[in-house]
């Protein structure tokens, strides 16, 4: 059986257990200008988790783009170094 399927089933089992144990727990959420009364706790947890994931996504994407850029520059720098050693001699020693 594929391991990904087992992991997904385990995650859903934990989520369903969390929801089942917190069905009656509610809280009030105030946004400053509006207050929501009787919001289930599991919705609060899931929404805050998703907002955290969405807010970290730009940092993840920009981090990947920064890592790719220097690699391209290193490749071009190493190509220039090989050209210089060919012009200067067999080992690039003066």
C-alpha atoms as a PDB file:
ATOM      1  CA  UNK A   1       0.000   0.000   0.000  1.00  0.00           C
ATOM      2  CA  UNK A   2       1.412   3.442  -0.869  1.00  0.00           C
ATOM      3  CA  UNK A   3       2.808   5.364   2.098  1.00  0.00           C
ATOM      4  CA  UNK A   4       1.260   8.629   1.001  1.00  0.00           C
ATOM      5  CA  UNK A   5      -2.223   7.128   1.214  1.00  0.00           C
ATOM      6  CA  UNK A   6      -1.548   5.832   4.727  1.00  0.00           C
ATOM      7  CA  UNK A   7      -0.260   9.251   5.830  1.00  0.00           C
ATOM      8  CA  UNK A   8      -3.280  11.044   4.336  1.00  0.00           C
ATOM      9  CA  UNK A   9      -5.678   8.626   6.053  1.00  0.00           C
ATOM     10  CA  UNK A  10      -3.885   9.159   9.381  1.00  0.00           C
ATOM     11  CA  UNK A  11      -4.060  12.954   8.994  1.00  0.00           C
ATOM     12  CA  UNK A  12      -7.781  12.813   8.246  1.00  0.00           C
ATOM     13  CA  UNK A  13      -8.347  10.530  11.238  1.00  0.00           C
ATOM     14  CA  UNK A  14      -6.608  13.028  13.543  1.00  0.00           C
ATOM     15  CA  UNK A  15      -8.594  15.920  12.035  1.00  0.00           C
ATOM     16  CA  UNK A  16     -11.900  14.094  12.432  1.00  0.00           C
ATOM     17  CA  UNK A  17     -11.030  13.230  16.027  1.00  0.00           C
ATOM     18  CA  UNK A  18     -10.178  16.872  16.766  1.00  0.00           C
ATOM     19  CA  UNK A  19     -13.455  18.042  15.222  1.00  0.00           C
ATOM     20  CA  UNK A  20     -15.457  15.391  17.040  1.00  0.00           C
ATOM     21  CA  UNK A  21     -14.053  16.304  20.454  1.00  0.00           C
ATOM     22  CA  UNK A  22     -14.588  20.060  19.889  1.00  0.00           C
ATOM     23  CA  UNK A  23     -18.081  20.152  18.361  1.00  0.00           C
ATOM     24  CA  UNK A  24     -19.647  21.765  21.426  1.00  0.00           C
ATOM     25  CA  UNK A  25     -16.757  24.164  22.196  1.00  0.00           C
ATOM     26  CA  UNK A  26     -17.413  27.611  20.784  1.00  0.00           C
ATOM     27  CA  UNK A  27     -15.733  30.998  21.047  1.00  0.00           C
ATOM     28  CA  UNK A  28     -16.322  34.625  20.128  1.00  0.00           C
ATOM     29  CA  UNK A  29     -14.112  36.196  17.481  1.00  0.00           C
ATOM     30  CA  UNK A  30     -13.766  39.976  17.358  1.00  0.00           C
ATOM     31  CA  UNK A  31     -12.369  41.669  14.258  1.00  0.00           C
ATOM     32  CA  UNK A  32     -12.545  45.124  15.856  1.00  0.00           C
ATOM     33  CA  UNK A  33     -15.571  46.294  13.917  1.00  0.00           C
ATOM     34  CA  UNK A  34     -17.596  43.042  14.015  1.00  0.00           C
ATOM     35  CA  UNK A  35     -17.887  40.236  16.541  1.00  0.00           C
ATOM     36  CA  UNK A  36     -18.802  36.696  15.567  1.00  0.00           C
ATOM     37  CA  UNK A  37     -20.508  34.778  18.385  1.00  0.00           C
ATOM     38  CA  UNK A  38     -20.568  31.002  18.752  1.00  0.00           C
ATOM     39  CA  UNK A  39     -17.855  30.099  16.247  1.00  0.00           C
ATOM     40  CA  UNK A  40     -16.704  26.476  16.683  1.00  0.00           C
ATOM     41  CA  UNK A  41     -13.148  26.141  17.957  1.00  0.00           C
ATOM     42  CA  UNK A  42     -12.068  23.793  15.167  1.00  0.00           C
ATOM     43  CA  UNK A  43     -13.012  26.404  12.539  1.00  0.00           C
ATOM     44  CA  UNK A  44     -10.929  28.992  14.372  1.00  0.00           C
ATOM     45  CA  UNK A  45      -7.937  26.647  14.439  1.00  0.00           C
ATOM     46  CA  UNK A  46      -8.223  25.661  10.770  1.00  0.00           C
ATOM     47  CA  UNK A  47      -8.711  29.232   9.533  1.00  0.00           C
ATOM     48  CA  UNK A  48      -5.738  30.510  11.554  1.00  0.00           C
ATOM     49  CA  UNK A  49      -3.592  27.621  10.270  1.00  0.00           C
ATOM     50  CA  UNK A  50      -4.551  28.343   6.655  1.00  0.00           C
ATOM     51  CA  UNK A  51      -3.891  32.084   7.077  1.00  0.00           C
ATOM     52  CA  UNK A  52      -0.461  31.239   8.470  1.00  0.00           C
ATOM     53  CA  UNK A  53       0.277  28.996   5.502  1.00  0.00           C
ATOM     54  CA  UNK A  54      -0.856  31.645   3.013  1.00  0.00           C
ATOM     55  CA  UNK A  55       1.174  34.372   4.733  1.00  0.00           C
ATOM     56  CA  UNK A  56       4.356  32.246   4.660  1.00  0.00           C
ATOM     57  CA  UNK A  57       3.941  31.324   0.976  1.00  0.00           C
ATOM     58  CA  UNK A  58       5.553  34.525  -0.455  1.00  0.00           C
ATOM     59  CA  UNK A  59       8.648  34.029   1.738  1.00  0.00           C
ATOM     60  CA  UNK A  60       8.936  30.436   0.506  1.00  0.00           C
ATOM     61  CA  UNK A  61       8.616  31.437  -3.150  1.00  0.00           C
ATOM     62  CA  UNK A  62      11.098  34.337  -2.877  1.00  0.00           C
ATOM     63  CA  UNK A  63      13.536  32.050  -1.046  1.00  0.00           C
ATOM     64  CA  UNK A  64      13.453  29.563  -3.904  1.00  0.00           C
ATOM     65  CA  UNK A  65      13.930  32.320  -6.474  1.00  0.00           C
ATOM     66  CA  UNK A  66      16.930  33.713  -4.572  1.00  0.00           C
ATOM     67  CA  UNK A  67      18.582  30.298  -4.438  1.00  0.00           C
ATOM     68  CA  UNK A  68      18.172  29.724  -8.167  1.00  0.00           C
ATOM     69  CA  UNK A  69      19.653  33.070  -9.180  1.00  0.00           C
ATOM     70  CA  UNK A  70      23.119  32.677  -7.587  1.00  0.00           C
ATOM     71  CA  UNK A  71      23.495  29.195  -9.082  1.00  0.00           C
ATOM     72  CA  UNK A  72      23.118  30.637 -12.560  1.00  0.00           C
ATOM     73  CA  UNK A  73      25.680  33.334 -11.748  1.00  0.00           C
ATOM     74  CA  UNK A  74      28.114  30.768 -10.338  1.00  0.00           C
ATOM     75  CA  UNK A  75      27.839  28.772 -13.554  1.00  0.00           C
ATOM     76  CA  UNK A  76      28.598  31.820 -15.681  1.00  0.00           C
ATOM     77  CA  UNK A  77      31.480  32.781 -13.336  1.00  0.00           C
ATOM     78  CA  UNK A  78      33.003  29.310 -13.634  1.00  0.00           C
ATOM     79  CA  UNK A  79      32.683  29.482 -17.432  1.00  0.00           C
ATOM     80  CA  UNK A  80      34.551  32.811 -17.415  1.00  0.00           C
ATOM     81  CA  UNK A  81      37.279  31.338 -15.200  1.00  0.00           C
ATOM     82  CA  UNK A  82      37.857  28.492 -17.629  1.00  0.00           C
ATOM     83  CA  UNK A  83      38.168  31.001 -20.463  1.00  0.00           C
ATOM     84  CA  UNK A  84      40.760  32.960 -18.497  1.00  0.00           C
ATOM     85  CA  UNK A  85      42.844  29.889 -17.740  1.00  0.00           C
ATOM     86  CA  UNK A  86      42.838  28.932 -21.413  1.00  0.00           C
ATOM     87  CA  UNK A  87      44.101  32.397 -22.381  1.00  0.00           C
ATOM     88  CA  UNK A  88      46.823  32.480 -19.739  1.00  0.00           C
ATOM     89  CA  UNK A  89      48.288  29.044 -20.162  1.00  0.00           C
ATOM     90  CA  UNK A  90      47.653  25.432 -19.489  1.00  0.00           C
ATOM     91  CA  UNK A  91      47.193  25.880 -15.727  1.00  0.00           C
ATOM     92  CA  UNK A  92      46.586  29.634 -15.498  1.00  0.00           C
ATOM     93  CA  UNK A  93      49.871  30.282 -13.669  1.00  0.00           C
ATOM     94  CA  UNK A  94      51.907  33.343 -14.675  1.00  0.00           C
END
